[in-house]
């Protein structure tokens, strides 16, 4: 067995402290749908920021292509890993897919998110 990574330990510790303070466990561990969407959106914004584009629309288009590539080529290889060594865009997309929220795939919705 591998030891629990430090970020996971911190997340669990803080989550259980929040739960002991009276928060429902799902909320305390930030497992609600709202939390999953927020985590996905942050990761997608991080991925967009790592792309080299002149305009926000171009950034959204590049992100759409990066998501399609990631989902078909990278995600099947890394989905069960805890912390794969990936380039910045793929590392952010890994977190977006791991969030548990439905992925955004079209440039229009990505544009609305990152603008």
Protein backbone atom coordinates (compact mmCIF):
# COMPACT_ATOMS: atom_id res chain seq x y z
CA UNK A 1 0.00 0.00 0.00
CA UNK A 2 1.12 3.52 -0.82
CA UNK A 3 1.03 6.17 1.92
CA UNK A 4 -1.70 8.79 1.65
CA UNK A 5 -0.39 11.90 -0.18
CA UNK A 6 -0.05 15.08 1.91
CA UNK A 7 -2.81 17.00 0.05
CA UNK A 8 -5.23 14.14 0.74
CA UNK A 9 -4.29 14.11 4.42
CA UNK A 10 -4.89 17.86 4.68
CA UNK A 11 -8.22 17.56 2.86
CA UNK A 12 -9.41 14.76 5.16
CA UNK A 13 -8.18 16.53 8.29
CA UNK A 14 -9.94 19.78 7.40
CA UNK A 15 -13.06 17.94 6.28
CA UNK A 16 -13.38 16.00 9.51
CA UNK A 17 -12.76 19.17 11.52
CA UNK A 18 -15.61 20.82 9.60
CA UNK A 19 -17.79 17.77 10.23
CA UNK A 20 -17.01 17.82 13.97
CA UNK A 21 -18.04 21.49 13.97
CA UNK A 22 -21.48 20.48 12.71
CA UNK A 23 -21.30 20.45 8.92
CA UNK A 24 -22.85 17.47 7.13
CA UNK A 25 -20.07 15.09 6.07
CA UNK A 26 -20.65 15.57 2.32
CA UNK A 27 -20.38 19.35 2.71
CA UNK A 28 -17.50 19.14 5.16
CA UNK A 29 -15.45 17.13 2.66
CA UNK A 30 -16.53 19.38 -0.22
CA UNK A 31 -18.28 16.54 -2.03
CA UNK A 32 -21.49 18.32 -2.99
CA UNK A 33 -22.36 18.86 -6.63
CA UNK A 34 -21.67 22.58 -6.19
CA UNK A 35 -18.20 21.78 -4.84
CA UNK A 36 -17.50 19.38 -7.71
CA UNK A 37 -18.52 22.01 -10.27
CA UNK A 38 -16.39 24.65 -8.55
CA UNK A 39 -13.37 22.30 -8.60
CA UNK A 40 -13.95 21.50 -12.28
CA UNK A 41 -14.31 25.17 -13.19
CA UNK A 42 -11.14 26.15 -11.33
CA UNK A 43 -9.21 23.38 -13.07
CA UNK A 44 -10.57 24.39 -16.49
CA UNK A 45 -9.60 28.01 -15.84
CA UNK A 46 -6.11 26.83 -14.87
CA UNK A 47 -5.90 24.78 -18.08
CA UNK A 48 -7.04 27.77 -20.15
CA UNK A 49 -4.43 29.99 -18.48
CA UNK A 50 -1.72 27.52 -19.49
CA UNK A 51 -2.67 27.81 -23.18
CA UNK A 52 -1.03 30.37 -25.44
CA UNK A 53 -3.83 32.32 -27.15
CA UNK A 54 -4.35 35.91 -28.28
CA UNK A 55 -8.06 36.09 -27.39
CA UNK A 56 -10.40 34.44 -24.94
CA UNK A 57 -12.36 32.89 -27.82
CA UNK A 58 -9.16 31.36 -29.26
CA UNK A 59 -8.29 30.14 -25.76
CA UNK A 60 -11.71 28.44 -25.52
CA UNK A 61 -11.21 26.81 -28.92
CA UNK A 62 -7.76 25.53 -27.94
CA UNK A 63 -9.16 24.26 -24.64
CA UNK A 64 -11.93 22.41 -26.49
CA UNK A 65 -9.30 20.63 -28.59
CA UNK A 66 -7.13 19.93 -25.54
CA UNK A 67 -10.10 18.38 -23.72
CA UNK A 68 -10.94 16.15 -26.69
CA UNK A 69 -7.32 15.00 -26.92
CA UNK A 70 -7.03 14.51 -23.17
CA UNK A 71 -10.26 12.55 -22.91
CA UNK A 72 -9.38 10.11 -25.68
CA UNK A 73 -5.62 9.75 -25.30
CA UNK A 74 -4.50 10.71 -21.80
CA UNK A 75 -7.45 10.09 -19.47
CA UNK A 76 -7.69 6.34 -20.21
CA UNK A 77 -4.03 5.94 -19.13
CA UNK A 78 -4.11 8.11 -15.98
CA UNK A 79 -7.66 7.98 -14.63
CA UNK A 80 -6.78 5.62 -11.76
CA UNK A 81 -3.51 7.31 -10.80
CA UNK A 82 -3.28 9.62 -7.81
CA UNK A 83 -0.82 12.21 -9.04
CA UNK A 84 0.46 11.55 -12.57
CA UNK A 85 3.36 13.56 -13.92
CA UNK A 86 1.68 15.59 -16.69
CA UNK A 87 2.31 18.84 -18.56
CA UNK A 88 0.45 21.86 -17.07
CA UNK A 89 -2.61 21.75 -19.36
CA UNK A 90 -3.06 18.00 -18.90
CA UNK A 91 -2.48 18.27 -15.14
CA UNK A 92 -5.29 20.82 -14.90
CA UNK A 93 -7.55 18.70 -17.12
CA UNK A 94 -6.78 15.69 -14.92
CA UNK A 95 -8.13 17.63 -11.93
CA UNK A 96 -11.16 18.75 -13.94
CA UNK A 97 -12.01 15.17 -14.86
CA UNK A 98 -11.28 13.91 -11.33
CA UNK A 99 -13.67 16.52 -9.87
CA UNK A 100 -16.64 14.29 -10.60
CA UNK A 101 -18.56 17.09 -12.33
CA UNK A 102 -19.74 16.61 -15.90
CA UNK A 103 -16.97 17.78 -18.22
CA UNK A 104 -17.49 20.84 -20.39
CA UNK A 105 -16.52 20.06 -23.97
CA UNK A 106 -17.75 22.78 -26.34
CA UNK A 107 -15.90 26.01 -26.99
CA UNK A 108 -18.99 28.17 -26.37
CA UNK A 109 -19.50 26.87 -22.82
CA UNK A 110 -15.76 27.03 -22.14
CA UNK A 111 -15.72 30.63 -23.37
CA UNK A 112 -18.57 31.52 -21.00
CA UNK A 113 -16.58 29.99 -18.15
CA UNK A 114 -13.17 31.55 -18.82
CA UNK A 115 -14.13 35.05 -20.01
